[in-house]
Amino acid sequence: MTAVPWHAPSAPKGSQRWRNAWVVSVAALVAANAADMASSRNLAEQNPLLRNSQGLFDARKGALIKAGATGGLLLVQTILRRRTGDGSLDKAFTIVNAAAASAVGATAVRNYGLR
């Protein structure tokens, strides 16, 4: 009887843990953008794309631009995740989304502090 070497089963590149983290990071990014929009109402807006003729945050235009930018980012991530199919991008996308959510969330916190 010859001994057959044992090999650990190969794990896929991505893990369920990073997939779950990516889903949470998507929710955090969407929530941070919603908080930023809510906190910007009736305040002076520095971004010329998001302000109205009086220099205040334009909620309608701001919501469309922010939703388009966030939706575009998440659409690209979804397409790339499906193309690879192995979850290998989940960690990188989680980090990108968490960083973006942190920056946008910090802006919302600052805006609420201005009131």
PDB file of N, CA and C in Angstrom:
ATOM      1  N   MET A   1       0.845  -1.163   0.000  1.00  0.00           N
ATOM      2  CA  MET A   1       0.000   0.000   0.000  1.00  0.00           C
ATOM      3  C   MET A   1       0.899   1.236   0.000  1.00  0.00           C
ATOM      4  N   THR A   2       0.683   2.126  -0.964  1.00  0.00           N
ATOM      5  CA  THR A   2       1.484   3.337  -1.033  1.00  0.00           C
ATOM      6  C   THR A   2       0.716   4.497  -0.436  1.00  0.00           C
ATOM      7  N   ALA A   3       1.449   5.362   0.192  1.00  0.00           N
ATOM      8  CA  ALA A   3       0.840   6.536   0.813  1.00  0.00           C
ATOM      9  C   ALA A   3       0.566   7.588  -0.252  1.00  0.00           C
ATOM     10  N   VAL A   4      -0.606   8.120  -0.206  1.00  0.00           N
ATOM     11  CA  VAL A   4      -0.988   9.185  -1.126  1.00  0.00           C
ATOM     12  C   VAL A   4      -0.877  10.493  -0.364  1.00  0.00           C
ATOM     13  N   PRO A   5      -0.095  11.451  -0.885  1.00  0.00           N
ATOM     14  CA  PRO A   5       0.046  12.714  -0.153  1.00  0.00           C
ATOM     15  C   PRO A   5      -1.296  13.452  -0.071  1.00  0.00           C
ATOM     16  N   TRP A   6      -1.524  14.042   1.058  1.00  0.00           N
ATOM     17  CA  TRP A   6      -2.761  14.770   1.275  1.00  0.00           C
ATOM     18  C   TRP A   6      -2.554  16.225   0.890  1.00  0.00           C
ATOM     19  N   HIS A   7      -3.471  16.784   0.151  1.00  0.00           N
ATOM     20  CA  HIS A   7      -3.438  18.198  -0.231  1.00  0.00           C
ATOM     21  C   HIS A   7      -4.717  18.852   0.273  1.00  0.00           C
ATOM     22  N   ALA A   8      -4.533  19.968   0.924  1.00  0.00           N
ATOM     23  CA  ALA A   8      -5.702  20.709   1.400  1.00  0.00           C
ATOM     24  C   ALA A   8      -6.523  21.171   0.200  1.00  0.00           C
ATOM     25  N   PRO A   9      -7.825  21.143   0.328  1.00  0.00           N
ATOM     26  CA  PRO A   9      -8.639  21.625  -0.790  1.00  0.00           C
ATOM     27  C   PRO A   9      -8.348  23.093  -1.054  1.00  0.00           C
ATOM     28  N   SER A  10      -8.258  23.449  -2.307  1.00  0.00           N
ATOM     29  CA  SER A  10      -7.960  24.846  -2.632  1.00  0.00           C
ATOM     30  C   SER A  10      -9.207  25.699  -2.426  1.00  0.00           C
ATOM     31  N   ALA A  11      -9.003  26.781  -1.741  1.00  0.00           N
ATOM     32  CA  ALA A  11     -10.104  27.708  -1.476  1.00  0.00           C
ATOM     33  C   ALA A  11     -10.208  28.685  -2.639  1.00  0.00           C
ATOM     34  N   PRO A  12     -11.387  29.123  -2.943  1.00  0.00           N
ATOM     35  CA  PRO A  12     -11.511  30.131  -3.990  1.00  0.00           C
ATOM     36  C   PRO A  12     -10.796  31.410  -3.571  1.00  0.00           C
ATOM     37  N   LYS A  13     -10.436  32.228  -4.560  1.00  0.00           N
ATOM     38  CA  LYS A  13      -9.683  33.450  -4.274  1.00  0.00           C
ATOM     39  C   LYS A  13     -10.436  34.374  -3.316  1.00  0.00           C
ATOM     40  N   GLY A  14     -11.707  34.557  -3.545  1.00  0.00           N
ATOM     41  CA  GLY A  14     -12.512  35.403  -2.672  1.00  0.00           C
ATOM     42  C   GLY A  14     -13.133  34.549  -1.581  1.00  0.00           C
ATOM     43  N   SER A  15     -13.593  35.202  -0.565  1.00  0.00           N
ATOM     44  CA  SER A  15     -14.244  34.462   0.508  1.00  0.00           C
ATOM     45  C   SER A  15     -15.621  35.055   0.772  1.00  0.00           C
ATOM     46  N   GLN A  16     -16.434  34.264   1.407  1.00  0.00           N
ATOM     47  CA  GLN A  16     -17.779  34.734   1.766  1.00  0.00           C
ATOM     48  C   GLN A  16     -17.681  35.932   2.705  1.00  0.00           C
ATOM     49  N   ARG A  17     -16.650  35.932   3.529  1.00  0.00           N
ATOM     50  CA  ARG A  17     -16.460  37.044   4.463  1.00  0.00           C
ATOM     51  C   ARG A  17     -16.258  38.363   3.717  1.00  0.00           C
ATOM     52  N   TRP A  18     -15.409  38.350   2.664  1.00  0.00           N
ATOM     53  CA  TRP A  18     -15.185  39.584   1.906  1.00  0.00           C
ATOM     54  C   TRP A  18     -16.391  39.961   1.064  1.00  0.00           C
ATOM     55  N   ARG A  19     -17.146  38.969   0.600  1.00  0.00           N
ATOM     56  CA  ARG A  19     -18.374  39.277  -0.129  1.00  0.00           C
ATOM     57  C   ARG A  19     -19.354  39.991   0.790  1.00  0.00           C
ATOM     58  N   ASN A  20     -19.507  39.474   1.999  1.00  0.00           N
ATOM     59  CA  ASN A  20     -20.395  40.115   2.977  1.00  0.00           C
ATOM     60  C   ASN A  20     -19.897  41.510   3.327  1.00  0.00           C
ATOM     61  N   ALA A  21     -18.589  41.666   3.474  1.00  0.00           N
ATOM     62  CA  ALA A  21     -18.015  42.976   3.781  1.00  0.00           C
ATOM     63  C   ALA A  21     -18.273  43.953   2.647  1.00  0.00           C
ATOM     64  N   TRP A  22     -18.206  43.465   1.397  1.00  0.00           N
ATOM     65  CA  TRP A  22     -18.481  44.334   0.252  1.00  0.00           C
ATOM     66  C   TRP A  22     -19.930  44.810   0.291  1.00  0.00           C
ATOM     67  N   VAL A  23     -20.847  43.910   0.580  1.00  0.00           N
ATOM     68  CA  VAL A  23     -22.268  44.282   0.652  1.00  0.00           C
ATOM     69  C   VAL A  23     -22.478  45.344   1.742  1.00  0.00           C
ATOM     70  N   VAL A  24     -21.844  45.163   2.892  1.00  0.00           N
ATOM     71  CA  VAL A  24     -21.951  46.142   3.978  1.00  0.00           C
ATOM     72  C   VAL A  24     -21.346  47.477   3.547  1.00  0.00           C
ATOM     73  N   SER A  25     -20.217  47.436   2.822  1.00  0.00           N
ATOM     74  CA  SER A  25     -19.574  48.681   2.386  1.00  0.00           C
ATOM     75  C   SER A  25     -20.450  49.428   1.379  1.00  0.00           C
ATOM     76  N   VAL A  26     -21.184  48.701   0.549  1.00  0.00           N
ATOM     77  CA  VAL A  26     -22.119  49.332  -0.385  1.00  0.00           C
ATOM     78  C   VAL A  26     -23.214  50.057   0.406  1.00  0.00           C
ATOM     79  N   ALA A  27     -23.761  49.391   1.402  1.00  0.00           N
ATOM     80  CA  ALA A  27     -24.803  50.010   2.237  1.00  0.00           C
ATOM     81  C   ALA A  27     -24.257  51.243   2.958  1.00  0.00           C
ATOM     82  N   ALA A  28     -23.023  51.149   3.456  1.00  0.00           N
ATOM     83  CA  ALA A  28     -22.411  52.290   4.157  1.00  0.00           C
ATOM     84  C   ALA A  28     -22.213  53.469   3.212  1.00  0.00           C
ATOM     85  N   LEU A  29     -21.798  53.191   1.986  1.00  0.00           N
ATOM     86  CA  LEU A  29     -21.588  54.258   1.013  1.00  0.00           C
ATOM     87  C   LEU A  29     -22.908  54.946   0.655  1.00  0.00           C
ATOM     88  N   VAL A  30     -23.933  54.174   0.446  1.00  0.00           N
ATOM     89  CA  VAL A  30     -25.249  54.743   0.131  1.00  0.00           C
ATOM     90  C   VAL A  30     -25.767  55.564   1.320  1.00  0.00           C
ATOM     91  N   ALA A  31     -25.620  55.034   2.531  1.00  0.00           N
ATOM     92  CA  ALA A  31     -26.084  55.746   3.729  1.00  0.00           C
ATOM     93  C   ALA A  31     -25.294  57.037   3.944  1.00  0.00           C
ATOM     94  N   ALA A  32     -23.993  57.000   3.705  1.00  0.00           N
ATOM     95  CA  ALA A  32     -23.172  58.209   3.876  1.00  0.00           C
ATOM     96  C   ALA A  32     -23.595  59.285   2.882  1.00  0.00           C
ATOM     97  N   ASN A  33     -23.881  58.895   1.655  1.00  0.00           N
ATOM     98  CA  ASN A  33     -24.339  59.872   0.666  1.00  0.00           C
ATOM     99  C   ASN A  33     -25.695  60.450   1.037  1.00  0.00           C
ATOM    100  N   ALA A  34     -26.582  59.618   1.545  1.00  0.00           N
ATOM    101  CA  ALA A  34     -27.896  60.117   1.984  1.00  0.00           C
ATOM    102  C   ALA A  34     -27.737  61.086   3.156  1.00  0.00           C
ATOM    103  N   ALA A  35     -26.869  60.747   4.094  1.00  0.00           N
ATOM    104  CA  ALA A  35     -26.628  61.636   5.240  1.00  0.00           C
ATOM    105  C   ALA A  35     -26.005  62.950   4.786  1.00  0.00           C
ATOM    106  N   ASP A  36     -25.112  62.882   3.830  1.00  0.00           N
ATOM    107  CA  ASP A  36     -24.477  64.101   3.312  1.00  0.00           C
ATOM    108  C   ASP A  36     -25.510  64.996   2.634  1.00  0.00           C
ATOM    109  N   MET A  37     -26.396  64.407   1.848  1.00  0.00           N
ATOM    110  CA  MET A  37     -27.429  65.215   1.195  1.00  0.00           C
ATOM    111  C   MET A  37     -28.368  65.841   2.219  1.00  0.00           C
ATOM    112  N   ALA A  38     -28.763  65.063   3.216  1.00  0.00           N
ATOM    113  CA  ALA A  38     -29.660  65.594   4.243  1.00  0.00           C
ATOM    114  C   ALA A  38     -28.987  66.701   5.050  1.00  0.00           C
ATOM    115  N   SER A  39     -27.697  66.540   5.311  1.00  0.00           N
ATOM    116  CA  SER A  39     -26.993  67.535   6.123  1.00  0.00           C
ATOM    117  C   SER A  39     -26.679  68.804   5.342  1.00  0.00           C
ATOM    118  N   SER A  40     -26.717  68.737   4.023  1.00  0.00           N
ATOM    119  CA  SER A  40     -26.365  69.891   3.190  1.00  0.00           C
ATOM    120  C   SER A  40     -27.538  70.821   2.921  1.00  0.00           C
ATOM    121  N   ARG A  41     -28.747  70.389   3.199  1.00  0.00           N
ATOM    122  CA  ARG A  41     -29.916  71.211   2.902  1.00  0.00           C
ATOM    123  C   ARG A  41     -29.836  72.560   3.615  1.00  0.00           C
ATOM    124  N   ASN A  42     -30.139  73.607   2.857  1.00  0.00           N
ATOM    125  CA  ASN A  42     -30.159  74.990   3.360  1.00  0.00           C
ATOM    126  C   ASN A  42     -28.801  75.489   3.818  1.00  0.00           C
ATOM    127  N   LEU A  43     -27.724  74.890   3.320  1.00  0.00           N
ATOM    128  CA  LEU A  43     -26.376  75.373   3.620  1.00  0.00           C
ATOM    129  C   LEU A  43     -25.710  75.843   2.333  1.00  0.00           C
ATOM    130  N   ALA A  44     -24.734  76.728   2.489  1.00  0.00           N
ATOM    131  CA  ALA A  44     -23.948  77.157   1.333  1.00  0.00           C
ATOM    132  C   ALA A  44     -23.183  75.947   0.803  1.00  0.00           C
ATOM    133  N   GLU A  45     -23.135  75.823  -0.518  1.00  0.00           N
ATOM    134  CA  GLU A  45     -22.472  74.676  -1.147  1.00  0.00           C
ATOM    135  C   GLU A  45     -21.225  75.153  -1.872  1.00  0.00           C
ATOM    136  N   GLN A  46     -20.101  74.515  -1.604  1.00  0.00           N
ATOM    137  CA  GLN A  46     -18.849  74.892  -2.252  1.00  0.00           C
ATOM    138  C   GLN A  46     -18.701  74.293  -3.638  1.00  0.00           C
ATOM    139  N   ASN A  47     -19.308  73.134  -3.861  1.00  0.00           N
ATOM    140  CA  ASN A  47     -19.212  72.470  -5.159  1.00  0.00           C
ATOM    141  C   ASN A  47     -20.171  73.130  -6.141  1.00  0.00           C
ATOM    142  N   PRO A  48     -19.662  73.744  -7.211  1.00  0.00           N
ATOM    143  CA  PRO A  48     -20.555  74.445  -8.146  1.00  0.00           C
ATOM    144  C   PRO A  48     -21.541  73.515  -8.850  1.00  0.00           C
ATOM    145  N   LEU A  49     -21.236  72.243  -8.949  1.00  0.00           N
ATOM    146  CA  LEU A  49     -22.170  71.306  -9.584  1.00  0.00           C
ATOM    147  C   LEU A  49     -23.393  71.038  -8.720  1.00  0.00           C
ATOM    148  N   LEU A  50     -23.271  71.264  -7.428  1.00  0.00           N
ATOM    149  CA  LEU A  50     -24.343  70.906  -6.503  1.00  0.00           C
ATOM    150  C   LEU A  50     -25.104  72.107  -5.945  1.00  0.00           C
ATOM    151  N   ARG A  51     -24.757  73.312  -6.366  1.00  0.00           N
ATOM    152  CA  ARG A  51     -25.439  74.472  -5.792  1.00  0.00           C
ATOM    153  C   ARG A  51     -26.387  75.128  -6.789  1.00  0.00           C
ATOM    154  N   ASN A  52     -27.349  75.853  -6.209  1.00  0.00           N
ATOM    155  CA  ASN A  52     -28.317  76.572  -7.037  1.00  0.00           C
ATOM    156  C   ASN A  52     -27.828  78.000  -7.270  1.00  0.00           C
ATOM    157  N   SER A  53     -28.657  78.836  -7.866  1.00  0.00           N
ATOM    158  CA  SER A  53     -28.241  80.201  -8.204  1.00  0.00           C
ATOM    159  C   SER A  53     -27.995  81.069  -6.969  1.00  0.00           C
ATOM    160  N   GLN A  54     -28.558  80.691  -5.818  1.00  0.00           N
ATOM    161  CA  GLN A  54     -28.320  81.438  -4.582  1.00  0.00           C
ATOM    162  C   GLN A  54     -27.078  80.932  -3.841  1.00  0.00           C
ATOM    163  N   GLY A  55     -26.416  79.925  -4.360  1.00  0.00           N
ATOM    164  CA  GLY A  55     -25.220  79.396  -3.723  1.00  0.00           C
ATOM    165  C   GLY A  55     -25.492  78.332  -2.678  1.00  0.00           C
ATOM    166  N   LEU A  56     -26.768  77.933  -2.542  1.00  0.00           N
ATOM    167  CA  LEU A  56     -27.133  76.893  -1.574  1.00  0.00           C
ATOM    168  C   LEU A  56     -27.177  75.531  -2.256  1.00  0.00           C
ATOM    169  N   PHE A  57     -27.120  74.491  -1.455  1.00  0.00           N
ATOM    170  CA  PHE A  57     -27.192  73.129  -1.966  1.00  0.00           C
ATOM    171  C   PHE A  57     -28.532  72.924  -2.669  1.00  0.00           C
ATOM    172  N   ASP A  58     -28.496  72.468  -3.904  1.00  0.00           N
ATOM    173  CA  ASP A  58     -29.703  72.157  -4.669  1.00  0.00           C
ATOM    174  C   ASP A  58     -29.989  70.673  -4.486  1.00  0.00           C
ATOM    175  N   ALA A  59     -31.004  70.347  -3.693  1.00  0.00           N
ATOM    176  CA  ALA A  59     -31.279  68.961  -3.319  1.00  0.00           C
ATOM    177  C   ALA A  59     -31.582  68.086  -4.532  1.00  0.00           C
ATOM    178  N   ARG A  60     -32.344  68.599  -5.475  1.00  0.00           N
ATOM    179  CA  ARG A  60     -32.718  67.786  -6.639  1.00  0.00           C
ATOM    180  C   ARG A  60     -31.496  67.487  -7.514  1.00  0.00           C
ATOM    181  N   LYS A  61     -30.762  68.543  -7.867  1.00  0.00           N
ATOM    182  CA  LYS A  61     -29.582  68.365  -8.699  1.00  0.00           C
ATOM    183  C   LYS A  61     -28.515  67.568  -7.954  1.00  0.00           C
ATOM    184  N   GLY A  62     -28.350  67.865  -6.675  1.00  0.00           N
ATOM    185  CA  GLY A  62     -27.361  67.150  -5.859  1.00  0.00           C
ATOM    186  C   GLY A  62     -27.668  65.676  -5.746  1.00  0.00           C
ATOM    187  N   ALA A  63     -28.951  65.356  -5.560  1.00  0.00           N
ATOM    188  CA  ALA A  63     -29.338  63.948  -5.449  1.00  0.00           C
ATOM    189  C   ALA A  63     -29.074  63.211  -6.750  1.00  0.00           C
ATOM    190  N   LEU A  64     -29.387  63.842  -7.875  1.00  0.00           N
ATOM    191  CA  LEU A  64     -29.145  63.200  -9.169  1.00  0.00           C
ATOM    192  C   LEU A  64     -27.661  62.971  -9.417  1.00  0.00           C
ATOM    193  N   ILE A  65     -26.849  63.969  -9.142  1.00  0.00           N
ATOM    194  CA  ILE A  65     -25.408  63.842  -9.377  1.00  0.00           C
ATOM    195  C   ILE A  65     -24.793  62.821  -8.430  1.00  0.00           C
ATOM    196  N   LYS A  66     -25.138  62.902  -7.152  1.00  0.00           N
ATOM    197  CA  LYS A  66     -24.580  61.956  -6.187  1.00  0.00           C
ATOM    198  C   LYS A  66     -25.045  60.529  -6.459  1.00  0.00           C
ATOM    199  N   ALA A  67     -26.325  60.366  -6.803  1.00  0.00           N
ATOM    200  CA  ALA A  67     -26.834  59.031  -7.120  1.00  0.00           C
ATOM    201  C   ALA A  67     -26.175  58.492  -8.384  1.00  0.00           C
ATOM    202  N   GLY A  68     -25.969  59.351  -9.367  1.00  0.00           N
ATOM    203  CA  GLY A  68     -25.313  58.923 -10.602  1.00  0.00           C
ATOM    204  C   GLY A  68     -23.871  58.499 -10.372  1.00  0.00           C
ATOM    205  N   ALA A  69     -23.143  59.283  -9.586  1.00  0.00           N
ATOM    206  CA  ALA A  69     -21.742  58.951  -9.316  1.00  0.00           C
ATOM    207  C   ALA A  69     -21.629  57.668  -8.500  1.00  0.00           C
ATOM    208  N   THR A  70     -22.423  57.566  -7.455  1.00  0.00           N
ATOM    209  CA  THR A  70     -22.381  56.367  -6.610  1.00  0.00           C
ATOM    210  C   THR A  70     -22.892  55.157  -7.383  1.00  0.00           C
ATOM    211  N   GLY A  71     -23.976  55.334  -8.110  1.00  0.00           N
ATOM    212  CA  GLY A  71     -24.513  54.241  -8.913  1.00  0.00           C
ATOM    213  C   GLY A  71     -23.538  53.783  -9.985  1.00  0.00           C
ATOM    214  N   GLY A  72     -22.848  54.728 -10.608  1.00  0.00           N
ATOM    215  CA  GLY A  72     -21.849  54.377 -11.616  1.00  0.00           C
ATOM    216  C   GLY A  72     -20.710  53.569 -11.029  1.00  0.00           C
ATOM    217  N   LEU A  73     -20.221  53.998  -9.873  1.00  0.00           N
ATOM    218  CA  LEU A  73     -19.153  53.266  -9.193  1.00  0.00           C
ATOM    219  C   LEU A  73     -19.599  51.849  -8.857  1.00  0.00           C
ATOM    220  N   LEU A  74     -20.786  51.722  -8.312  1.00  0.00           N
ATOM    221  CA  LEU A  74     -21.279  50.399  -7.919  1.00  0.00           C
ATOM    222  C   LEU A  74     -21.611  49.531  -9.131  1.00  0.00           C
ATOM    223  N   LEU A  75     -22.039  50.148 -10.222  1.00  0.00           N
ATOM    224  CA  LEU A  75     -22.298  49.393 -11.445  1.00  0.00           C
ATOM    225  C   LEU A  75     -20.999  48.800 -11.995  1.00  0.00           C
ATOM    226  N   VAL A  76     -19.949  49.613 -12.037  1.00  0.00           N
ATOM    227  CA  VAL A  76     -18.647  49.120 -12.506  1.00  0.00           C
ATOM    228  C   VAL A  76     -18.158  47.985 -11.606  1.00  0.00           C
ATOM    229  N   GLN A  77     -18.299  48.160 -10.303  1.00  0.00           N
ATOM    230  CA  GLN A  77     -17.880  47.106  -9.380  1.00  0.00           C
ATOM    231  C   GLN A  77     -18.666  45.822  -9.614  1.00  0.00           C
ATOM    232  N   THR A  78     -19.966  45.939  -9.798  1.00  0.00           N
ATOM    233  CA  THR A  78     -20.803  44.760 -10.022  1.00  0.00           C
ATOM    234  C   THR A  78     -20.420  44.046 -11.314  1.00  0.00           C
ATOM    235  N   ILE A  79     -20.192  44.806 -12.376  1.00  0.00           N
ATOM    236  CA  ILE A  79     -19.798  44.200 -13.646  1.00  0.00           C
ATOM    237  C   ILE A  79     -18.458  43.484 -13.505  1.00  0.00           C
ATOM    238  N   LEU A  80     -17.480  44.129 -12.885  1.00  0.00           N
ATOM    239  CA  LEU A  80     -16.168  43.511 -12.719  1.00  0.00           C
ATOM    240  C   LEU A  80     -16.220  42.292 -11.802  1.00  0.00           C
ATOM    241  N   ARG A  81     -17.037  42.362 -10.760  1.00  0.00           N
ATOM    242  CA  ARG A  81     -17.179  41.202  -9.863  1.00  0.00           C
ATOM    243  C   ARG A  81     -17.775  40.016 -10.612  1.00  0.00           C
ATOM    244  N   ARG A  82     -18.745  40.272 -11.463  1.00  0.00           N
ATOM    245  CA  ARG A  82     -19.361  39.177 -12.225  1.00  0.00           C
ATOM    246  C   ARG A  82     -18.410  38.623 -13.272  1.00  0.00           C
ATOM    247  N   ARG A  83     -17.601  39.490 -13.873  1.00  0.00           N
ATOM    248  CA  ARG A  83     -16.656  39.013 -14.892  1.00  0.00           C
ATOM    249  C   ARG A  83     -15.590  38.111 -14.292  1.00  0.00           C
ATOM    250  N   THR A  84     -15.077  38.469 -13.121  1.00  0.00           N
ATOM    251  CA  THR A  84     -14.061  37.611 -12.503  1.00  0.00           C
ATOM    252  C   THR A  84     -14.717  36.372 -11.928  1.00  0.00           C
ATOM    253  N   GLY A  85     -15.863  36.544 -11.293  1.00  0.00           N
ATOM    254  CA  GLY A  85     -16.627  35.411 -10.797  1.00  0.00           C
ATOM    255  C   GLY A  85     -16.039  34.674  -9.613  1.00  0.00           C
ATOM    256  N   ASP A  86     -14.842  35.057  -9.182  1.00  0.00           N
ATOM    257  CA  ASP A  86     -14.221  34.310  -8.089  1.00  0.00           C
ATOM    258  C   ASP A  86     -14.127  35.104  -6.792  1.00  0.00           C
ATOM    259  N   GLY A  87     -14.656  36.317  -6.775  1.00  0.00           N
ATOM    260  CA  GLY A  87     -14.630  37.123  -5.555  1.00  0.00           C
ATOM    261  C   GLY A  87     -13.286  37.754  -5.261  1.00  0.00           C
ATOM    262  N   SER A  88     -12.354  37.684  -6.212  1.00  0.00           N
ATOM    263  CA  SER A  88     -11.008  38.205  -5.951  1.00  0.00           C
ATOM    264  C   SER A  88     -10.955  39.723  -5.824  1.00  0.00           C
ATOM    265  N   LEU A  89     -11.985  40.418  -6.277  1.00  0.00           N
ATOM    266  CA  LEU A  89     -12.007  41.881  -6.202  1.00  0.00           C
ATOM    267  C   LEU A  89     -12.768  42.404  -4.991  1.00  0.00           C
ATOM    268  N   ASP A  90     -13.407  41.527  -4.256  1.00  0.00           N
ATOM    269  CA  ASP A  90     -14.255  41.958  -3.144  1.00  0.00           C
ATOM    270  C   ASP A  90     -13.485  42.752  -2.097  1.00  0.00           C
ATOM    271  N   LYS A  91     -12.293  42.313  -1.761  1.00  0.00           N
ATOM    272  CA  LYS A  91     -11.505  43.006  -0.735  1.00  0.00           C
ATOM    273  C   LYS A  91     -11.151  44.417  -1.197  1.00  0.00           C
ATOM    274  N   ALA A  92     -10.658  44.551  -2.426  1.00  0.00           N
ATOM    275  CA  ALA A  92     -10.282  45.867  -2.944  1.00  0.00           C
ATOM    276  C   ALA A  92     -11.494  46.797  -3.020  1.00  0.00           C
ATOM    277  N   PHE A  93     -12.610  46.281  -3.516  1.00  0.00           N
ATOM    278  CA  PHE A  93     -13.803  47.114  -3.629  1.00  0.00           C
ATOM    279  C   PHE A  93     -14.353  47.496  -2.258  1.00  0.00           C
ATOM    280  N   THR A  94     -14.222  46.610  -1.289  1.00  0.00           N
ATOM    281  CA  THR A  94     -14.653  46.923   0.077  1.00  0.00           C
ATOM    282  C   THR A  94     -13.843  48.083   0.627  1.00  0.00           C
ATOM    283  N   ILE A  95     -12.543  48.056   0.392  1.00  0.00           N
ATOM    284  CA  ILE A  95     -11.668  49.127   0.884  1.00  0.00           C
ATOM    285  C   ILE A  95     -12.004  50.449   0.196  1.00  0.00           C
ATOM    286  N   VAL A  96     -12.218  50.417  -1.112  1.00  0.00           N
ATOM    287  CA  VAL A  96     -12.575  51.642  -1.856  1.00  0.00           C
ATOM    288  C   VAL A  96     -13.888  52.218  -1.332  1.00  0.00           C
ATOM    289  N   ASN A  97     -14.890  51.363  -1.178  1.00  0.00           N
ATOM    290  CA  ASN A  97     -16.194  51.828  -0.702  1.00  0.00           C
ATOM    291  C   ASN A  97     -16.119  52.364   0.722  1.00  0.00           C
ATOM    292  N   ALA A  98     -15.348  51.695   1.578  1.00  0.00           N
ATOM    293  CA  ALA A  98     -15.214  52.150   2.970  1.00  0.00           C
ATOM    294  C   ALA A  98     -14.520  53.504   3.020  1.00  0.00           C
ATOM    295  N   ALA A  99     -13.500  53.689   2.199  1.00  0.00           N
ATOM    296  CA  ALA A  99     -12.798  54.982   2.169  1.00  0.00           C
ATOM    297  C   ALA A  99     -13.728  56.087   1.672  1.00  0.00           C
ATOM    298  N   ALA A 100     -14.486  55.801   0.623  1.00  0.00           N
ATOM    299  CA  ALA A 100     -15.415  56.802   0.094  1.00  0.00           C
ATOM    300  C   ALA A 100     -16.509  57.110   1.106  1.00  0.00           C
ATOM    301  N   ALA A 101     -17.042  56.082   1.746  1.00  0.00           N
ATOM    302  CA  ALA A 101     -18.083  56.296   2.762  1.00  0.00           C
ATOM    303  C   ALA A 101     -17.538  57.109   3.925  1.00  0.00           C
ATOM    304  N   SER A 102     -16.290  56.870   4.301  1.00  0.00           N
ATOM    305  CA  SER A 102     -15.682  57.635   5.396  1.00  0.00           C
ATOM    306  C   SER A 102     -15.547  59.106   5.040  1.00  0.00           C
ATOM    307  N   ALA A 103     -15.088  59.383   3.830  1.00  0.00           N
ATOM    308  CA  ALA A 103     -14.904  60.775   3.405  1.00  0.00           C
ATOM    309  C   ALA A 103     -16.248  61.500   3.315  1.00  0.00           C
ATOM    310  N   VAL A 104     -17.219  60.862   2.707  1.00  0.00           N
ATOM    311  CA  VAL A 104     -18.538  61.487   2.563  1.00  0.00           C
ATOM    312  C   VAL A 104     -19.217  61.605   3.927  1.00  0.00           C
ATOM    313  N   GLY A 105     -19.061  60.585   4.755  1.00  0.00           N
ATOM    314  CA  GLY A 105     -19.638  60.630   6.102  1.00  0.00           C
ATOM    315  C   GLY A 105     -19.026  61.735   6.951  1.00  0.00           C
ATOM    316  N   ALA A 106     -17.716  61.939   6.799  1.00  0.00           N
ATOM    317  CA  ALA A 106     -17.050  63.018   7.539  1.00  0.00           C
ATOM    318  C   ALA A 106     -17.599  64.377   7.110  1.00  0.00           C
ATOM    319  N   THR A 107     -17.907  64.517   5.838  1.00  0.00           N
ATOM    320  CA  THR A 107     -18.502  65.763   5.339  1.00  0.00           C
ATOM    321  C   THR A 107     -19.872  65.967   5.955  1.00  0.00           C
ATOM    322  N   ALA A 108     -20.655  64.895   6.064  1.00  0.00           N
ATOM    323  CA  ALA A 108     -21.984  65.006   6.678  1.00  0.00           C
ATOM    324  C   ALA A 108     -21.868  65.417   8.138  1.00  0.00           C
ATOM    325  N   VAL A 109     -20.934  64.819   8.859  1.00  0.00           N
ATOM    326  CA  VAL A 109     -20.731  65.169  10.273  1.00  0.00           C
ATOM    327  C   VAL A 109     -20.344  66.645  10.390  1.00  0.00           C
ATOM    328  N   ARG A 110     -19.459  67.113   9.514  1.00  0.00           N
ATOM    329  CA  ARG A 110     -19.058  68.516   9.524  1.00  0.00           C
ATOM    330  C   ARG A 110     -20.261  69.419   9.253  1.00  0.00           C
ATOM    331  N   ASN A 111     -21.086  69.037   8.269  1.00  0.00           N
ATOM    332  CA  ASN A 111     -22.262  69.845   7.933  1.00  0.00           C
ATOM    333  C   ASN A 111     -23.230  69.946   9.109  1.00  0.00           C
ATOM    334  N   TYR A 112     -23.454  68.828   9.801  1.00  0.00           N
ATOM    335  CA  TYR A 112     -24.354  68.878  10.958  1.00  0.00           C
ATOM    336  C   TYR A 112     -23.773  69.759  12.058  1.00  0.00           C
ATOM    337  N   GLY A 113     -22.453  69.841  12.143  1.00  0.00           N
ATOM    338  CA  GLY A 113     -21.817  70.696  13.132  1.00  0.00           C
ATOM    339  C   GLY A 113     -21.945  72.167  12.832  1.00  0.00           C
ATOM    340  N   LEU A 114     -22.229  72.514  11.578  1.00  0.00           N
ATOM    341  CA  LEU A 114     -22.380  73.918  11.177  1.00  0.00           C
ATOM    342  C   LEU A 114     -23.723  74.504  11.564  1.00  0.00           C
ATOM    343  N   ARG A 115     -24.668  73.696  11.914  1.00  0.00           N
ATOM    344  CA  ARG A 115     -26.023  74.176  12.215  1.00  0.00           C
ATOM    345  C   ARG A 115     -26.086  74.845  13.565  1.00  0.00           C
TER     346      ARG A 115
END
